[in-house]
N, C-alpha and C. Protein backbone atom coordinates (compact mmCIF):
# COMPACT_ATOMS: atom_id res chain seq x y z
N MET A 1 1.33 -97.99 -15.70
CA MET A 1 -0.04 -97.89 -15.22
C MET A 1 -0.05 -97.84 -13.70
N ARG A 2 -0.80 -96.87 -13.12
CA ARG A 2 -0.90 -96.75 -11.69
C ARG A 2 -1.65 -97.93 -11.09
N ARG A 3 -1.35 -98.26 -9.85
CA ARG A 3 -2.11 -99.28 -9.14
C ARG A 3 -3.42 -98.68 -8.67
N CYS A 4 -4.46 -99.50 -8.60
CA CYS A 4 -5.76 -99.07 -8.13
C CYS A 4 -5.98 -99.57 -6.71
N VAL A 5 -6.22 -98.66 -5.79
CA VAL A 5 -6.55 -99.00 -4.42
C VAL A 5 -8.06 -98.78 -4.22
N ILE A 6 -8.76 -99.84 -3.85
CA ILE A 6 -10.20 -99.77 -3.60
C ILE A 6 -10.41 -99.81 -2.10
N VAL A 7 -11.10 -98.81 -1.56
CA VAL A 7 -11.34 -98.72 -0.13
C VAL A 7 -12.81 -98.96 0.15
N GLY A 8 -13.09 -100.06 0.85
CA GLY A 8 -14.47 -100.37 1.22
C GLY A 8 -14.82 -99.84 2.58
N GLY A 9 -16.04 -100.05 3.01
CA GLY A 9 -16.52 -99.51 4.26
C GLY A 9 -16.32 -100.42 5.46
N GLY A 10 -15.59 -101.54 5.28
CA GLY A 10 -15.33 -102.46 6.40
C GLY A 10 -14.38 -101.85 7.42
N PRO A 11 -14.20 -102.55 8.52
CA PRO A 11 -13.39 -101.96 9.61
C PRO A 11 -11.92 -101.89 9.27
N ILE A 12 -11.27 -100.80 9.62
CA ILE A 12 -9.82 -100.66 9.59
C ILE A 12 -9.42 -100.08 10.95
N ALA A 13 -8.68 -100.83 11.74
CA ALA A 13 -8.22 -100.35 13.04
C ALA A 13 -6.80 -99.82 12.97
N ASP A 14 -5.95 -100.53 12.20
CA ASP A 14 -4.53 -100.15 12.10
C ASP A 14 -4.32 -99.29 10.87
N TYR A 15 -4.64 -98.01 11.00
CA TYR A 15 -4.51 -97.11 9.87
C TYR A 15 -3.04 -96.90 9.48
N ALA A 16 -2.13 -96.97 10.45
CA ALA A 16 -0.72 -96.78 10.12
C ALA A 16 -0.26 -97.85 9.14
N ARG A 17 -0.63 -99.07 9.38
CA ARG A 17 -0.26 -100.15 8.47
C ARG A 17 -0.88 -99.97 7.10
N ALA A 18 -2.15 -99.59 7.09
CA ALA A 18 -2.81 -99.40 5.80
C ALA A 18 -2.17 -98.25 5.02
N ARG A 19 -1.79 -97.17 5.72
CA ARG A 19 -1.16 -96.06 5.06
C ARG A 19 0.16 -96.46 4.41
N GLU A 20 0.92 -97.32 5.12
CA GLU A 20 2.18 -97.78 4.57
C GLU A 20 2.02 -98.55 3.27
N ALA A 21 0.85 -99.15 3.06
CA ALA A 21 0.62 -99.96 1.87
C ALA A 21 0.21 -99.10 0.67
N ILE A 22 -0.15 -97.86 0.89
CA ILE A 22 -0.61 -96.98 -0.20
C ILE A 22 0.53 -96.13 -0.72
N GLY A 23 0.70 -96.12 -2.02
CA GLY A 23 1.77 -95.33 -2.63
C GLY A 23 1.26 -93.98 -3.09
N PRO A 24 2.15 -93.02 -3.29
CA PRO A 24 1.73 -91.68 -3.68
C PRO A 24 1.13 -91.62 -5.05
N GLU A 25 1.40 -92.59 -5.92
CA GLU A 25 0.91 -92.58 -7.29
C GLU A 25 -0.36 -93.44 -7.44
N ASP A 26 -0.79 -94.09 -6.38
CA ASP A 26 -1.96 -94.97 -6.47
C ASP A 26 -3.22 -94.19 -6.83
N TYR A 27 -4.07 -94.84 -7.61
CA TYR A 27 -5.38 -94.29 -7.97
C TYR A 27 -6.36 -94.87 -6.92
N VAL A 28 -7.05 -94.00 -6.20
CA VAL A 28 -7.86 -94.44 -5.06
C VAL A 28 -9.36 -94.32 -5.38
N ILE A 29 -10.06 -95.42 -5.20
CA ILE A 29 -11.52 -95.43 -5.33
C ILE A 29 -12.10 -95.70 -3.95
N CYS A 30 -12.94 -94.84 -3.44
CA CYS A 30 -13.66 -95.05 -2.19
C CYS A 30 -15.09 -95.51 -2.50
N CYS A 31 -15.49 -96.57 -1.85
CA CYS A 31 -16.83 -97.16 -2.05
C CYS A 31 -17.73 -96.75 -0.92
N ASP A 32 -18.72 -95.92 -1.22
CA ASP A 32 -19.76 -95.57 -0.25
C ASP A 32 -19.13 -95.15 1.07
N SER A 33 -19.43 -95.87 2.19
CA SER A 33 -18.94 -95.48 3.49
C SER A 33 -17.43 -95.66 3.62
N GLY A 34 -16.78 -96.27 2.62
CA GLY A 34 -15.34 -96.32 2.64
C GLY A 34 -14.71 -94.94 2.58
N LEU A 35 -15.49 -93.96 2.20
CA LEU A 35 -15.01 -92.59 2.17
C LEU A 35 -14.62 -92.09 3.57
N ARG A 36 -15.23 -92.67 4.61
CA ARG A 36 -14.93 -92.24 5.96
C ARG A 36 -13.51 -92.60 6.37
N HIS A 37 -12.88 -93.54 5.62
CA HIS A 37 -11.49 -93.91 5.93
C HIS A 37 -10.49 -92.97 5.27
N ALA A 38 -10.92 -92.15 4.32
CA ALA A 38 -9.97 -91.41 3.49
C ALA A 38 -9.05 -90.52 4.33
N ALA A 39 -9.61 -89.76 5.26
CA ALA A 39 -8.79 -88.83 6.03
C ALA A 39 -7.76 -89.57 6.86
N ALA A 40 -8.18 -90.64 7.52
CA ALA A 40 -7.26 -91.41 8.38
C ALA A 40 -6.18 -92.10 7.54
N LEU A 41 -6.51 -92.44 6.27
CA LEU A 41 -5.53 -93.05 5.40
C LEU A 41 -4.63 -92.03 4.72
N GLY A 42 -5.00 -90.76 4.85
CA GLY A 42 -4.20 -89.70 4.26
C GLY A 42 -4.30 -89.65 2.75
N VAL A 43 -5.49 -89.98 2.20
CA VAL A 43 -5.67 -89.97 0.75
C VAL A 43 -6.84 -89.08 0.36
N ARG A 44 -6.76 -88.57 -0.85
CA ARG A 44 -7.88 -87.92 -1.50
C ARG A 44 -8.35 -88.85 -2.61
N PRO A 45 -9.61 -89.30 -2.56
CA PRO A 45 -10.05 -90.25 -3.56
C PRO A 45 -10.05 -89.65 -4.96
N ASP A 46 -9.66 -90.44 -5.95
CA ASP A 46 -9.79 -90.01 -7.32
C ASP A 46 -11.19 -90.28 -7.86
N LEU A 47 -11.86 -91.26 -7.24
CA LEU A 47 -13.21 -91.64 -7.65
C LEU A 47 -13.97 -92.12 -6.43
N VAL A 48 -15.22 -91.73 -6.34
CA VAL A 48 -16.11 -92.18 -5.29
C VAL A 48 -17.31 -92.88 -5.96
N VAL A 49 -17.63 -94.09 -5.52
CA VAL A 49 -18.77 -94.80 -6.08
C VAL A 49 -19.66 -95.30 -4.94
N GLY A 50 -20.92 -95.40 -5.18
CA GLY A 50 -21.81 -95.97 -4.17
C GLY A 50 -23.26 -95.59 -4.34
N ASP A 51 -24.10 -96.34 -3.67
CA ASP A 51 -25.53 -95.98 -3.62
C ASP A 51 -25.84 -95.11 -2.43
N PHE A 52 -24.85 -94.95 -1.54
CA PHE A 52 -24.94 -94.06 -0.37
C PHE A 52 -26.12 -94.40 0.52
N ASP A 53 -26.26 -95.74 0.73
CA ASP A 53 -27.28 -96.19 1.68
C ASP A 53 -26.69 -96.30 3.09
N SER A 54 -25.37 -96.26 3.22
CA SER A 54 -24.77 -96.36 4.54
C SER A 54 -24.08 -95.06 4.96
N CYS A 55 -24.10 -94.06 4.09
CA CYS A 55 -23.58 -92.73 4.46
C CYS A 55 -24.21 -91.72 3.50
N PRO A 56 -24.24 -90.44 3.89
CA PRO A 56 -24.82 -89.45 2.98
C PRO A 56 -23.94 -89.27 1.74
N ARG A 57 -24.57 -88.87 0.65
CA ARG A 57 -23.80 -88.59 -0.54
C ARG A 57 -22.82 -87.46 -0.23
N PRO A 58 -21.53 -87.66 -0.51
CA PRO A 58 -20.54 -86.67 -0.09
C PRO A 58 -20.53 -85.43 -0.98
N GLU A 59 -20.10 -84.35 -0.33
CA GLU A 59 -19.80 -83.12 -1.11
C GLU A 59 -18.29 -83.15 -1.37
N THR A 60 -17.90 -83.50 -2.56
CA THR A 60 -16.49 -83.67 -2.88
C THR A 60 -16.24 -83.24 -4.31
N GLU A 61 -15.02 -82.81 -4.55
CA GLU A 61 -14.61 -82.46 -5.91
C GLU A 61 -14.22 -83.69 -6.72
N ALA A 62 -14.05 -84.83 -6.06
CA ALA A 62 -13.69 -86.04 -6.74
C ALA A 62 -14.82 -86.50 -7.67
N GLU A 63 -14.46 -87.17 -8.75
CA GLU A 63 -15.45 -87.78 -9.62
C GLU A 63 -16.32 -88.73 -8.80
N THR A 64 -17.63 -88.63 -8.95
CA THR A 64 -18.54 -89.43 -8.17
C THR A 64 -19.55 -90.14 -9.09
N LEU A 65 -19.69 -91.44 -8.89
CA LEU A 65 -20.69 -92.22 -9.61
C LEU A 65 -21.74 -92.69 -8.61
N VAL A 66 -22.94 -92.19 -8.75
CA VAL A 66 -24.03 -92.56 -7.86
C VAL A 66 -24.78 -93.76 -8.45
N LEU A 67 -24.86 -94.82 -7.67
CA LEU A 67 -25.46 -96.09 -8.13
C LEU A 67 -26.84 -96.25 -7.57
N PRO A 68 -27.69 -97.03 -8.26
CA PRO A 68 -29.02 -97.34 -7.70
C PRO A 68 -28.87 -98.25 -6.52
N ARG A 69 -29.79 -98.16 -5.56
CA ARG A 69 -29.70 -99.03 -4.38
C ARG A 69 -30.11 -100.46 -4.69
N GLU A 70 -30.97 -100.65 -5.67
CA GLU A 70 -31.36 -101.98 -6.07
C GLU A 70 -30.57 -102.36 -7.31
N LYS A 71 -29.57 -103.25 -7.11
CA LYS A 71 -28.66 -103.62 -8.20
C LYS A 71 -28.05 -104.97 -7.88
N ASP A 72 -27.43 -105.58 -8.88
CA ASP A 72 -26.82 -106.88 -8.68
C ASP A 72 -25.45 -106.79 -8.05
N ASP A 73 -24.68 -105.76 -8.38
CA ASP A 73 -23.30 -105.63 -7.88
C ASP A 73 -23.28 -104.84 -6.60
N THR A 74 -22.47 -105.30 -5.61
CA THR A 74 -22.18 -104.44 -4.47
C THR A 74 -21.35 -103.26 -4.94
N ASP A 75 -21.26 -102.25 -4.10
CA ASP A 75 -20.45 -101.07 -4.45
C ASP A 75 -19.00 -101.46 -4.75
N THR A 76 -18.47 -102.41 -3.98
CA THR A 76 -17.08 -102.82 -4.18
C THR A 76 -16.92 -103.56 -5.48
N VAL A 77 -17.86 -104.44 -5.80
CA VAL A 77 -17.78 -105.15 -7.07
C VAL A 77 -17.88 -104.13 -8.24
N PHE A 78 -18.77 -103.15 -8.11
CA PHE A 78 -18.90 -102.13 -9.16
C PHE A 78 -17.58 -101.41 -9.29
N ALA A 79 -16.96 -101.02 -8.19
CA ALA A 79 -15.69 -100.30 -8.24
C ALA A 79 -14.63 -101.11 -8.96
N ALA A 80 -14.54 -102.42 -8.66
CA ALA A 80 -13.56 -103.26 -9.32
C ALA A 80 -13.82 -103.35 -10.81
N LYS A 81 -15.08 -103.50 -11.19
CA LYS A 81 -15.41 -103.59 -12.62
C LYS A 81 -15.13 -102.26 -13.35
N GLU A 82 -15.39 -101.14 -12.66
CA GLU A 82 -15.12 -99.87 -13.26
C GLU A 82 -13.61 -99.66 -13.44
N ALA A 83 -12.82 -100.11 -12.44
CA ALA A 83 -11.36 -100.00 -12.57
C ALA A 83 -10.84 -100.89 -13.70
N LEU A 84 -11.43 -102.06 -13.86
CA LEU A 84 -11.06 -102.92 -15.01
C LEU A 84 -11.37 -102.20 -16.31
N ARG A 85 -12.57 -101.58 -16.36
CA ARG A 85 -12.94 -100.86 -17.59
C ARG A 85 -11.95 -99.74 -17.91
N ARG A 86 -11.36 -99.15 -16.86
CA ARG A 86 -10.41 -98.05 -17.06
C ARG A 86 -9.00 -98.53 -17.29
N GLY A 87 -8.79 -99.85 -17.29
CA GLY A 87 -7.52 -100.40 -17.71
C GLY A 87 -6.51 -100.72 -16.64
N PHE A 88 -6.91 -100.73 -15.37
CA PHE A 88 -5.95 -101.00 -14.31
C PHE A 88 -5.56 -102.50 -14.30
N GLU A 89 -4.28 -102.75 -13.95
CA GLU A 89 -3.77 -104.10 -13.94
C GLU A 89 -3.43 -104.63 -12.54
N ASP A 90 -3.27 -103.73 -11.61
CA ASP A 90 -2.80 -104.05 -10.26
C ASP A 90 -3.74 -103.44 -9.25
N PHE A 91 -4.14 -104.24 -8.25
CA PHE A 91 -5.19 -103.82 -7.30
C PHE A 91 -4.80 -104.11 -5.87
N LEU A 92 -5.14 -103.21 -4.98
CA LEU A 92 -5.06 -103.41 -3.54
C LEU A 92 -6.42 -103.04 -2.95
N LEU A 93 -6.99 -103.95 -2.15
CA LEU A 93 -8.30 -103.72 -1.54
C LEU A 93 -8.12 -103.51 -0.04
N LEU A 94 -8.65 -102.43 0.49
CA LEU A 94 -8.62 -102.13 1.91
C LEU A 94 -10.05 -101.96 2.41
N GLY A 95 -10.28 -102.26 3.70
CA GLY A 95 -11.62 -102.09 4.26
C GLY A 95 -12.65 -103.02 3.64
N VAL A 96 -12.21 -104.17 3.21
CA VAL A 96 -13.15 -105.11 2.58
C VAL A 96 -13.26 -106.44 3.34
N ILE A 97 -12.45 -106.62 4.36
CA ILE A 97 -12.42 -107.85 5.15
C ILE A 97 -12.77 -107.52 6.59
N GLY A 98 -13.62 -108.33 7.21
CA GLY A 98 -14.02 -108.08 8.58
C GLY A 98 -15.41 -107.47 8.62
N GLY A 99 -15.96 -107.35 9.80
CA GLY A 99 -17.34 -106.84 9.90
C GLY A 99 -18.33 -107.90 9.43
N ARG A 100 -19.19 -107.56 8.49
CA ARG A 100 -20.20 -108.49 8.03
C ARG A 100 -19.56 -109.64 7.22
N LEU A 101 -19.88 -110.89 7.65
CA LEU A 101 -19.27 -112.04 7.00
C LEU A 101 -19.70 -112.15 5.54
N ASP A 102 -20.96 -111.80 5.23
CA ASP A 102 -21.42 -111.92 3.85
C ASP A 102 -20.65 -110.95 2.95
N HIS A 103 -20.35 -109.76 3.43
CA HIS A 103 -19.56 -108.82 2.64
C HIS A 103 -18.11 -109.33 2.48
N THR A 104 -17.56 -109.89 3.56
CA THR A 104 -16.19 -110.44 3.47
C THR A 104 -16.12 -111.50 2.39
N LEU A 105 -17.05 -112.45 2.42
CA LEU A 105 -17.02 -113.53 1.44
C LEU A 105 -17.23 -113.01 0.02
N ALA A 106 -18.14 -112.04 -0.12
CA ALA A 106 -18.35 -111.44 -1.43
C ALA A 106 -17.08 -110.76 -1.95
N ASN A 107 -16.31 -110.17 -1.04
CA ASN A 107 -15.08 -109.49 -1.47
C ASN A 107 -13.95 -110.46 -1.77
N VAL A 108 -13.96 -111.64 -1.19
CA VAL A 108 -13.06 -112.71 -1.65
C VAL A 108 -13.41 -113.01 -3.10
N GLY A 109 -14.70 -112.96 -3.43
CA GLY A 109 -15.13 -113.15 -4.82
C GLY A 109 -14.56 -112.06 -5.74
N VAL A 110 -14.35 -110.86 -5.21
CA VAL A 110 -13.71 -109.80 -6.04
C VAL A 110 -12.28 -110.21 -6.40
N LEU A 111 -11.57 -110.76 -5.44
CA LEU A 111 -10.20 -111.26 -5.72
C LEU A 111 -10.23 -112.33 -6.80
N LEU A 112 -11.21 -113.24 -6.73
CA LEU A 112 -11.36 -114.27 -7.74
C LEU A 112 -11.66 -113.66 -9.10
N MET A 113 -12.53 -112.67 -9.14
CA MET A 113 -12.89 -112.01 -10.41
C MET A 113 -11.68 -111.35 -11.04
N LEU A 114 -10.90 -110.65 -10.22
CA LEU A 114 -9.72 -109.97 -10.75
C LEU A 114 -8.65 -110.96 -11.20
N ASP A 115 -8.51 -112.06 -10.48
CA ASP A 115 -7.56 -113.10 -10.90
C ASP A 115 -8.01 -113.70 -12.21
N ALA A 116 -9.33 -113.95 -12.40
CA ALA A 116 -9.84 -114.51 -13.63
C ALA A 116 -9.58 -113.57 -14.82
N ALA A 117 -9.53 -112.27 -14.52
CA ALA A 117 -9.23 -111.29 -15.57
C ALA A 117 -7.75 -111.14 -15.84
N GLY A 118 -6.92 -111.92 -15.12
CA GLY A 118 -5.50 -111.85 -15.33
C GLY A 118 -4.82 -110.70 -14.64
N LYS A 119 -5.43 -110.14 -13.61
CA LYS A 119 -4.88 -108.98 -12.90
C LYS A 119 -4.23 -109.40 -11.59
N ARG A 120 -3.34 -108.57 -11.08
CA ARG A 120 -2.74 -108.76 -9.77
C ARG A 120 -3.66 -108.11 -8.75
N ALA A 121 -3.92 -108.81 -7.66
CA ALA A 121 -4.82 -108.25 -6.65
C ALA A 121 -4.54 -108.84 -5.29
N ALA A 122 -4.66 -108.03 -4.26
CA ALA A 122 -4.51 -108.47 -2.89
C ALA A 122 -5.45 -107.68 -2.03
N ALA A 123 -5.87 -108.28 -0.91
CA ALA A 123 -6.67 -107.58 0.07
C ALA A 123 -5.90 -107.56 1.39
N LEU A 124 -5.90 -106.43 2.04
CA LEU A 124 -5.14 -106.23 3.28
C LEU A 124 -6.11 -105.88 4.40
N ASP A 125 -6.00 -106.58 5.54
CA ASP A 125 -6.76 -106.15 6.71
C ASP A 125 -5.81 -105.94 7.86
N ASP A 126 -6.32 -105.81 9.08
CA ASP A 126 -5.46 -105.48 10.20
C ASP A 126 -4.52 -106.62 10.59
N TYR A 127 -4.82 -107.85 10.13
CA TYR A 127 -4.07 -109.01 10.60
C TYR A 127 -3.38 -109.79 9.48
N SER A 128 -3.78 -109.56 8.23
CA SER A 128 -3.31 -110.45 7.19
C SER A 128 -3.35 -109.79 5.81
N ARG A 129 -2.75 -110.53 4.87
CA ARG A 129 -2.81 -110.17 3.44
C ARG A 129 -3.32 -111.39 2.69
N MET A 130 -4.24 -111.17 1.76
CA MET A 130 -4.86 -112.24 1.02
C MET A 130 -4.73 -112.06 -0.48
N GLU A 131 -4.49 -113.16 -1.18
CA GLU A 131 -4.43 -113.12 -2.64
C GLU A 131 -4.81 -114.51 -3.17
N ILE A 132 -5.12 -114.56 -4.45
CA ILE A 132 -5.48 -115.83 -5.06
C ILE A 132 -4.23 -116.45 -5.70
N VAL A 133 -4.08 -117.79 -5.49
CA VAL A 133 -2.99 -118.53 -6.09
C VAL A 133 -3.62 -119.48 -7.11
N SER A 134 -3.27 -119.27 -8.38
CA SER A 134 -3.74 -120.16 -9.42
C SER A 134 -2.61 -120.94 -10.09
N ARG A 135 -1.39 -120.59 -9.83
CA ARG A 135 -0.24 -121.32 -10.35
C ARG A 135 0.84 -121.49 -9.29
N ARG A 136 1.44 -120.38 -8.89
CA ARG A 136 2.55 -120.47 -7.96
C ARG A 136 2.61 -119.23 -7.07
N ALA A 137 3.22 -119.38 -5.91
CA ALA A 137 3.38 -118.26 -5.00
C ALA A 137 4.52 -118.60 -4.05
N GLU A 138 5.06 -117.58 -3.41
CA GLU A 138 6.12 -117.74 -2.43
C GLU A 138 5.72 -116.99 -1.15
N VAL A 139 6.16 -117.54 -0.01
CA VAL A 139 5.89 -116.92 1.30
C VAL A 139 7.20 -116.81 2.04
N ALA A 140 7.67 -115.57 2.25
CA ALA A 140 8.92 -115.34 2.99
C ALA A 140 8.70 -115.66 4.48
N ASP A 141 9.79 -115.95 5.17
CA ASP A 141 9.64 -116.31 6.56
C ASP A 141 9.35 -115.09 7.47
N SER A 142 9.25 -113.91 6.86
CA SER A 142 8.76 -112.74 7.63
C SER A 142 7.28 -112.88 7.96
N TRP A 143 6.58 -113.73 7.22
CA TRP A 143 5.21 -114.09 7.56
C TRP A 143 5.25 -115.38 8.40
N PRO A 144 4.87 -115.38 9.66
CA PRO A 144 5.01 -116.56 10.48
C PRO A 144 4.03 -117.66 10.16
N TYR A 145 2.86 -117.33 9.64
CA TYR A 145 1.85 -118.32 9.30
C TYR A 145 1.25 -118.02 7.93
N PHE A 146 0.83 -119.04 7.25
CA PHE A 146 0.06 -118.88 6.02
C PHE A 146 -0.92 -120.03 5.89
N SER A 147 -2.06 -119.78 5.28
CA SER A 147 -3.08 -120.77 5.04
C SER A 147 -3.46 -120.77 3.57
N LEU A 148 -3.83 -121.94 3.08
CA LEU A 148 -4.39 -122.08 1.73
C LEU A 148 -5.79 -122.63 1.86
N LEU A 149 -6.76 -121.90 1.32
CA LEU A 149 -8.17 -122.24 1.45
C LEU A 149 -8.83 -122.42 0.12
N ALA A 150 -9.59 -123.49 0.01
CA ALA A 150 -10.37 -123.73 -1.22
C ALA A 150 -11.61 -122.85 -1.22
N VAL A 151 -11.66 -121.91 -2.16
CA VAL A 151 -12.80 -120.97 -2.21
C VAL A 151 -13.43 -120.95 -3.59
N ASP A 152 -12.93 -121.81 -4.49
CA ASP A 152 -13.42 -121.81 -5.88
C ASP A 152 -13.45 -123.23 -6.41
N GLY A 153 -14.01 -124.15 -5.60
CA GLY A 153 -13.99 -125.55 -6.00
C GLY A 153 -12.69 -126.18 -5.58
N PRO A 154 -12.51 -127.47 -5.87
CA PRO A 154 -11.27 -128.15 -5.46
C PRO A 154 -10.06 -127.68 -6.23
N ALA A 155 -8.91 -127.70 -5.57
CA ALA A 155 -7.64 -127.44 -6.21
C ALA A 155 -6.83 -128.74 -6.17
N GLU A 156 -6.16 -129.04 -7.26
CA GLU A 156 -5.43 -130.32 -7.37
C GLU A 156 -3.96 -130.04 -7.73
N GLY A 157 -3.14 -131.02 -7.44
CA GLY A 157 -1.71 -130.89 -7.71
C GLY A 157 -1.10 -129.80 -6.84
N VAL A 158 -1.54 -129.72 -5.60
CA VAL A 158 -1.03 -128.68 -4.70
C VAL A 158 0.25 -129.17 -4.03
N THR A 159 1.34 -128.44 -4.22
CA THR A 159 2.64 -128.76 -3.65
C THR A 159 3.13 -127.58 -2.80
N ILE A 160 3.57 -127.89 -1.60
CA ILE A 160 4.14 -126.88 -0.70
C ILE A 160 5.52 -127.38 -0.28
N ARG A 161 6.53 -126.57 -0.46
CA ARG A 161 7.90 -126.91 -0.07
C ARG A 161 8.49 -125.82 0.80
N HIS A 162 9.54 -126.21 1.56
CA HIS A 162 10.24 -125.29 2.48
C HIS A 162 9.28 -124.71 3.50
N ALA A 163 8.38 -125.57 3.98
CA ALA A 163 7.42 -125.17 5.02
C ALA A 163 7.35 -126.29 6.05
N LYS A 164 6.85 -125.98 7.23
CA LYS A 164 6.74 -126.93 8.30
C LYS A 164 5.89 -128.14 7.92
N TYR A 165 4.81 -127.87 7.15
CA TYR A 165 3.92 -128.96 6.73
C TYR A 165 3.95 -129.01 5.19
N PRO A 166 4.86 -129.81 4.62
CA PRO A 166 4.94 -129.89 3.15
C PRO A 166 3.77 -130.71 2.58
N LEU A 167 3.50 -130.44 1.31
CA LEU A 167 2.52 -131.24 0.57
C LEU A 167 3.16 -131.58 -0.79
N GLU A 168 2.70 -132.70 -1.35
CA GLU A 168 3.16 -133.06 -2.67
C GLU A 168 1.97 -133.57 -3.48
N ASN A 169 1.64 -132.83 -4.52
CA ASN A 169 0.60 -133.23 -5.47
C ASN A 169 -0.72 -133.56 -4.75
N ALA A 170 -1.13 -132.70 -3.83
CA ALA A 170 -2.32 -132.94 -2.98
C ALA A 170 -3.55 -132.30 -3.58
N ARG A 171 -4.69 -132.65 -3.01
CA ARG A 171 -5.98 -132.06 -3.37
C ARG A 171 -6.56 -131.36 -2.15
N ILE A 172 -7.05 -130.14 -2.33
CA ILE A 172 -7.69 -129.38 -1.26
C ILE A 172 -9.07 -128.98 -1.76
N ASP A 173 -10.10 -129.29 -0.97
CA ASP A 173 -11.43 -128.82 -1.35
C ASP A 173 -12.12 -128.24 -0.11
N ALA A 174 -13.25 -127.61 -0.32
CA ALA A 174 -13.92 -126.85 0.74
C ALA A 174 -14.40 -127.74 1.88
N GLY A 175 -14.62 -129.04 1.61
CA GLY A 175 -15.07 -129.95 2.64
C GLY A 175 -14.00 -130.37 3.64
N TRP A 176 -12.72 -130.11 3.31
CA TRP A 176 -11.63 -130.45 4.21
C TRP A 176 -10.53 -129.42 4.04
N GLN A 177 -10.60 -128.38 4.88
CA GLN A 177 -9.65 -127.26 4.78
C GLN A 177 -8.48 -127.57 5.73
N TYR A 178 -7.59 -128.45 5.32
CA TYR A 178 -6.50 -128.88 6.19
C TYR A 178 -5.22 -128.11 6.03
N ALA A 179 -5.14 -127.20 5.02
CA ALA A 179 -3.90 -126.46 4.79
C ALA A 179 -3.93 -125.12 5.49
N VAL A 180 -4.23 -125.15 6.78
CA VAL A 180 -4.37 -123.94 7.60
C VAL A 180 -3.22 -123.82 8.58
N SER A 181 -2.72 -122.59 8.78
CA SER A 181 -1.66 -122.32 9.75
C SER A 181 -0.39 -123.10 9.50
N ASN A 182 0.06 -123.05 8.28
CA ASN A 182 1.38 -123.58 7.94
C ASN A 182 2.44 -122.53 8.26
N GLU A 183 3.72 -122.89 8.22
CA GLU A 183 4.79 -121.98 8.57
C GLU A 183 5.96 -122.15 7.62
N PRO A 184 6.50 -121.05 7.05
CA PRO A 184 7.73 -121.17 6.31
C PRO A 184 8.85 -121.64 7.26
N LEU A 185 9.76 -122.45 6.75
CA LEU A 185 10.90 -122.87 7.58
C LEU A 185 11.79 -121.63 7.85
N PRO A 186 12.39 -121.60 9.02
CA PRO A 186 13.21 -120.41 9.37
C PRO A 186 14.31 -120.17 8.33
N GLY A 187 14.41 -118.93 7.91
CA GLY A 187 15.45 -118.56 6.96
C GLY A 187 15.17 -119.00 5.55
N GLN A 188 13.97 -119.55 5.28
CA GLN A 188 13.66 -120.02 3.94
C GLN A 188 12.37 -119.39 3.42
N THR A 189 12.17 -119.52 2.13
CA THR A 189 10.96 -119.00 1.51
C THR A 189 10.10 -120.22 1.09
N ALA A 190 8.87 -120.31 1.62
CA ALA A 190 8.00 -121.39 1.25
C ALA A 190 7.56 -121.23 -0.20
N GLU A 191 7.50 -122.34 -0.92
CA GLU A 191 7.07 -122.36 -2.30
C GLU A 191 5.76 -123.10 -2.47
N ILE A 192 4.81 -122.50 -3.19
CA ILE A 192 3.50 -123.08 -3.41
C ILE A 192 3.28 -123.27 -4.90
N ARG A 193 2.77 -124.46 -5.28
CA ARG A 193 2.45 -124.73 -6.68
C ARG A 193 1.05 -125.32 -6.75
N VAL A 194 0.26 -124.88 -7.70
CA VAL A 194 -1.09 -125.40 -7.90
C VAL A 194 -1.21 -125.76 -9.39
N LYS A 195 -1.49 -127.03 -9.67
CA LYS A 195 -1.60 -127.48 -11.07
C LYS A 195 -2.97 -127.16 -11.66
N LYS A 196 -4.03 -127.30 -10.82
CA LYS A 196 -5.40 -127.12 -11.32
C LYS A 196 -6.24 -126.49 -10.23
N GLY A 197 -7.00 -125.47 -10.56
CA GLY A 197 -7.87 -124.82 -9.61
C GLY A 197 -7.20 -123.59 -9.01
N ARG A 198 -7.88 -123.02 -8.00
CA ARG A 198 -7.39 -121.80 -7.36
C ARG A 198 -7.58 -121.91 -5.87
N LEU A 199 -6.68 -121.26 -5.11
CA LEU A 199 -6.75 -121.25 -3.67
C LEU A 199 -6.60 -119.81 -3.16
N LEU A 200 -7.18 -119.54 -2.00
CA LEU A 200 -6.96 -118.27 -1.35
C LEU A 200 -5.76 -118.42 -0.40
N LEU A 201 -4.74 -117.64 -0.63
CA LEU A 201 -3.56 -117.63 0.22
C LEU A 201 -3.72 -116.49 1.24
N VAL A 202 -3.66 -116.84 2.52
CA VAL A 202 -3.78 -115.87 3.60
C VAL A 202 -2.46 -115.84 4.37
N LEU A 203 -1.82 -114.68 4.35
CA LEU A 203 -0.57 -114.48 5.08
C LEU A 203 -0.86 -113.73 6.38
N VAL A 204 -0.41 -114.25 7.51
CA VAL A 204 -0.73 -113.67 8.80
C VAL A 204 0.49 -112.94 9.34
N ARG A 205 0.30 -111.72 9.76
CA ARG A 205 1.43 -110.88 10.23
C ARG A 205 1.93 -111.31 11.60
N ARG A 206 3.22 -111.07 11.84
CA ARG A 206 3.85 -111.58 13.05
C ARG A 206 3.32 -110.96 14.33
N ASP A 207 3.12 -109.65 14.35
CA ASP A 207 2.71 -109.02 15.59
C ASP A 207 1.30 -109.46 16.00
N TRP A 208 0.50 -109.94 15.04
CA TRP A 208 -0.81 -110.47 15.41
C TRP A 208 -0.67 -111.82 16.12
N THR A 209 0.19 -112.70 15.57
CA THR A 209 0.36 -114.02 16.18
C THR A 209 0.98 -113.92 17.56
N ASP A 210 1.80 -112.88 17.79
CA ASP A 210 2.43 -112.73 19.09
C ASP A 210 1.41 -112.45 20.18
N ARG A 211 0.20 -112.07 19.81
CA ARG A 211 -0.84 -111.78 20.83
C ARG A 211 -1.47 -113.03 21.37
N ASP A 212 -1.32 -114.14 20.66
CA ASP A 212 -2.02 -115.39 21.09
C ASP A 212 -1.32 -116.02 22.29
C-alpha cells in the first residue's frame, strides 16, 4: 500500500527538506491552498480537496472533491478521513504546522485520530518531526533534542532511557509539561515507553538548534 502524503496550506519555507521526505510512489492529497505548494514540492496531486475559501477552485486534471464551506471537519481532517476510507495505512503531513495556532493544534488532533485508527502518521515542518507515542518509540542521536508533550490527557508509566534526562514510571499531564528539550546521549538511541495514555513526540533537527 502506498503512503499517503497530505499537504495543507500552512507555511513551508524549506521545500528542499520537504521534497526529500516525499517518495515517488506516494499518494498526494492537497488540501485547498495546500495546492500552492505542489509545484515547489515537485508533485502532482492525486487528489485535491477543499472548500476553496482560501484559494480559487483549481483547474486540474486531478480528482477534486469540493466541500461545503460550512462543515464540521477542516479540509485537512476531511482529507485524512477520506484517505482512511481509501485504505491507507501510513501518513505524512506537510504544511500543517505553523501559521495559525488553532489550525496547528487541530492538526495535532489529526495525528491523534490516525493513531487511534492504528495507522502510522507523522507531521513534518521546517524545524521538526512530530508523531504520537502510545507505547514505545526511539530517538537516534542524529536528533539533538526531543520533547514529549501531553496532548490527550495524562500519560502514565512514562520511561525514558539513554537520554540526558531519564524518567522512570513517570506521569506527564498538560498542567506540567516538564519533558521538553531532552537529548539522546551521544552515540546512543533514546528509548521511550508509555504504559497508559498518549504523548506527542517532537524531534528537533540539528541545523535548527545550531541557530540558537
